[in-house]
């Protein structure tokens, strides 16, 4: 770890008192990146149905048990640290990807690492623009990761999708 990375990690851990999460192994990160790539390819070529099924049937990668046992606050910190990697895959395949692609990317990536992320698909309660009356985001232990926390107030959840291998 570089000195800058150490400083940033310590700066972040001072904010909320949550200890730094463990690092992902290269093998586990590689599995997560490949899984994310596959999910986004399915979404782009075949639509939400096959992509949804892929996420639901996803098996976490090697060494995932360590991350599945993390305390929620530590797991959320790990998820926030890993957002960049899932978004790099997204920007490669779908440079202009909207909320569903962003949420699927993050949800798949985190699920492949053993974190029980959920992709939420919702409908706006009062629609001001019919074109954008649906929205999607990713949650981990009830915490919205890739959107404003208040997004849950203006939408009615239609679907919650997670990897069944990680469901209790």
Protein backbone atom coordinates (compact mmCIF):
# COMPACT_ATOMS: atom_id res chain seq x y z
CA UNK A 1 0.00 0.00 0.00
CA UNK A 2 1.35 3.43 -0.90
CA UNK A 3 1.76 6.17 1.65
CA UNK A 4 -1.07 8.16 0.07
CA UNK A 5 -3.40 5.14 0.26
CA UNK A 6 -2.50 4.68 3.95
CA UNK A 7 -3.24 8.32 4.66
CA UNK A 8 -6.58 8.20 2.87
CA UNK A 9 -7.58 4.97 4.63
CA UNK A 10 -6.69 6.39 8.04
CA UNK A 11 -8.49 9.61 7.22
CA UNK A 12 -11.65 7.68 6.31
CA UNK A 13 -11.47 5.45 9.38
CA UNK A 14 -11.25 8.47 11.67
CA UNK A 15 -14.60 9.73 10.43
CA UNK A 16 -16.82 6.98 11.79
CA UNK A 17 -14.57 4.85 13.98
CA UNK A 18 -15.02 1.79 11.74
CA UNK A 19 -11.84 -0.26 11.36
CA UNK A 20 -10.44 -0.60 7.83
CA UNK A 21 -11.78 -3.64 5.99
CA UNK A 22 -9.56 -6.46 4.76
CA UNK A 23 -8.14 -6.26 1.26
CA UNK A 24 -9.60 -8.30 -1.57
CA UNK A 25 -7.29 -10.91 -2.99
CA UNK A 26 -6.37 -10.50 -6.65
CA UNK A 27 -8.11 -13.77 -7.41
CA UNK A 28 -11.37 -12.69 -5.76
CA UNK A 29 -11.23 -9.25 -7.41
CA UNK A 30 -10.61 -10.92 -10.77
CA UNK A 31 -13.64 -13.15 -10.25
CA UNK A 32 -15.74 -10.11 -9.34
CA UNK A 33 -14.57 -8.18 -12.42
CA UNK A 34 -15.32 -11.13 -14.74
CA UNK A 35 -18.75 -11.60 -13.16
CA UNK A 36 -19.53 -7.91 -13.55
CA UNK A 37 -18.42 -8.01 -17.19
CA UNK A 38 -20.71 -10.99 -17.86
CA UNK A 39 -23.73 -9.39 -16.15
CA UNK A 40 -23.34 -6.15 -18.09
CA UNK A 41 -22.89 -8.00 -21.40
CA UNK A 42 -26.12 -9.89 -20.69
CA UNK A 43 -27.93 -6.65 -19.82
CA UNK A 44 -26.71 -4.97 -23.00
CA UNK A 45 -27.40 -7.84 -25.38
CA UNK A 46 -30.38 -9.67 -23.88
CA UNK A 47 -31.98 -7.27 -21.40
CA UNK A 48 -32.91 -7.28 -17.73
CA UNK A 49 -34.38 -10.81 -17.57
CA UNK A 50 -31.15 -12.75 -18.26
CA UNK A 51 -29.04 -10.23 -16.30
CA UNK A 52 -31.41 -10.54 -13.32
CA UNK A 53 -31.16 -14.34 -13.47
CA UNK A 54 -27.38 -14.19 -13.70
CA UNK A 55 -27.14 -12.07 -10.54
CA UNK A 56 -29.64 -14.27 -8.70
CA UNK A 57 -27.67 -17.43 -9.59
CA UNK A 58 -24.20 -15.90 -9.05
CA UNK A 59 -21.76 -17.85 -6.90
CA UNK A 60 -19.19 -15.83 -4.95
CA UNK A 61 -15.52 -16.26 -5.80
CA UNK A 62 -12.66 -17.94 -3.94
CA UNK A 63 -12.13 -16.67 -0.40
CA UNK A 64 -15.52 -14.93 -0.19
CA UNK A 65 -16.34 -16.29 3.29
CA UNK A 66 -14.06 -13.73 4.96
CA UNK A 67 -16.11 -10.86 3.55
CA UNK A 68 -19.48 -12.47 4.20
CA UNK A 69 -18.67 -12.53 7.92
CA UNK A 70 -17.75 -8.84 8.23
CA UNK A 71 -19.69 -6.55 10.52
CA UNK A 72 -22.14 -4.45 8.46
CA UNK A 73 -20.27 -1.16 9.00
CA UNK A 74 -16.96 -2.73 7.90
CA UNK A 75 -18.65 -4.42 4.92
CA UNK A 76 -20.14 -1.07 3.84
CA UNK A 77 -16.71 0.54 4.06
CA UNK A 78 -15.28 -2.27 1.90
CA UNK A 79 -18.12 -1.84 -0.61
CA UNK A 80 -17.50 1.89 -0.90
CA UNK A 81 -13.80 1.22 -1.45
CA UNK A 82 -14.60 -1.25 -4.26
CA UNK A 83 -17.13 0.90 -6.14
CA UNK A 84 -14.42 2.19 -8.47
CA UNK A 85 -13.60 -1.28 -9.79
CA UNK A 86 -17.21 -2.10 -10.69
CA UNK A 87 -17.62 1.28 -12.34
CA UNK A 88 -14.48 0.78 -14.45
CA UNK A 89 -16.10 -2.30 -16.00
CA UNK A 90 -19.32 -0.36 -16.48
CA UNK A 91 -17.58 2.54 -18.24
CA UNK A 92 -15.78 0.10 -20.53
CA UNK A 93 -18.96 -1.69 -21.67
CA UNK A 94 -21.60 1.00 -21.28
CA UNK A 95 -19.99 4.45 -21.13
CA UNK A 96 -23.42 6.10 -20.88
CA UNK A 97 -24.99 3.45 -18.65
CA UNK A 98 -27.98 4.64 -16.67
CA UNK A 99 -29.04 3.65 -13.17
CA UNK A 100 -29.93 0.02 -13.92
CA UNK A 101 -26.54 -0.71 -15.49
CA UNK A 102 -24.73 1.10 -12.64
CA UNK A 103 -26.71 -0.79 -10.01
CA UNK A 104 -26.31 -4.16 -11.70
CA UNK A 105 -22.58 -3.55 -12.05
CA UNK A 106 -22.10 -2.74 -8.37
CA UNK A 107 -24.52 -5.40 -7.12
CA UNK A 108 -22.86 -8.12 -9.18
CA UNK A 109 -19.35 -7.03 -8.20
CA UNK A 110 -20.14 -6.98 -4.48
CA UNK A 111 -22.06 -10.26 -4.59
CA UNK A 112 -19.13 -11.93 -6.36
CA UNK A 113 -16.90 -10.85 -3.44
CA UNK A 114 -19.28 -12.36 -0.89
CA UNK A 115 -21.10 -9.22 0.22
CA UNK A 116 -24.92 -9.60 0.24
CA UNK A 117 -25.72 -6.61 -1.98
CA UNK A 118 -29.21 -6.06 -3.38
CA UNK A 119 -30.14 -4.36 -6.63
CA UNK A 120 -33.34 -2.42 -6.10
CA UNK A 121 -35.71 -1.56 -8.96
CA UNK A 122 -38.39 0.96 -8.04
CA UNK A 123 -41.08 3.20 -9.48
CA UNK A 124 -41.38 6.87 -8.67
CA UNK A 125 -44.38 7.61 -6.45
CA UNK A 126 -45.21 10.87 -8.21
CA UNK A 127 -43.82 11.02 -11.71
CA UNK A 128 -42.77 14.39 -13.08
CA UNK A 129 -41.26 12.90 -16.24
CA UNK A 130 -42.64 9.55 -17.47
CA UNK A 131 -39.33 8.78 -19.18
CA UNK A 132 -37.62 8.57 -15.80
CA UNK A 133 -40.41 7.12 -13.65
CA UNK A 134 -38.32 4.03 -12.78
CA UNK A 135 -35.03 4.02 -10.91
CA UNK A 136 -32.50 1.54 -9.59
CA UNK A 137 -29.84 1.55 -6.88
CA UNK A 138 -27.72 -0.89 -4.89
CA UNK A 139 -28.03 -1.50 -1.15
CA UNK A 140 -25.88 -3.35 1.35
CA UNK A 141 -27.40 -3.98 4.79
CA UNK A 142 -30.05 -1.34 4.04
CA UNK A 143 -27.47 1.33 3.14
CA UNK A 144 -27.78 2.87 -0.33
CA UNK A 145 -24.34 2.70 -1.92
CA UNK A 146 -24.59 4.34 -5.33
CA UNK A 147 -27.19 7.04 -4.81
CA UNK A 148 -28.45 9.51 -2.23
CA UNK A 149 -29.79 7.84 0.94
CA UNK A 150 -33.08 9.72 0.52
CA UNK A 151 -33.78 8.03 -2.82
CA UNK A 152 -35.81 5.41 -0.97
CA UNK A 153 -38.38 8.02 0.09
CA UNK A 154 -39.66 8.95 -3.35
CA UNK A 155 -39.89 5.45 -4.83
CA UNK A 156 -41.92 2.29 -4.30
CA UNK A 157 -39.77 -0.82 -4.54
CA UNK A 158 -40.85 -3.24 -7.28
CA UNK A 159 -38.01 -5.73 -7.10
CA UNK A 160 -35.06 -6.65 -4.89
CA UNK A 161 -32.50 -8.88 -6.58
CA UNK A 162 -29.57 -10.51 -4.82
CA UNK A 163 -27.38 -13.57 -5.21
CA UNK A 164 -29.34 -16.46 -3.69
CA UNK A 165 -26.07 -18.14 -2.61
CA UNK A 166 -25.58 -15.28 -0.13
CA UNK A 167 -29.14 -15.17 1.18
CA UNK A 168 -29.58 -16.35 4.72
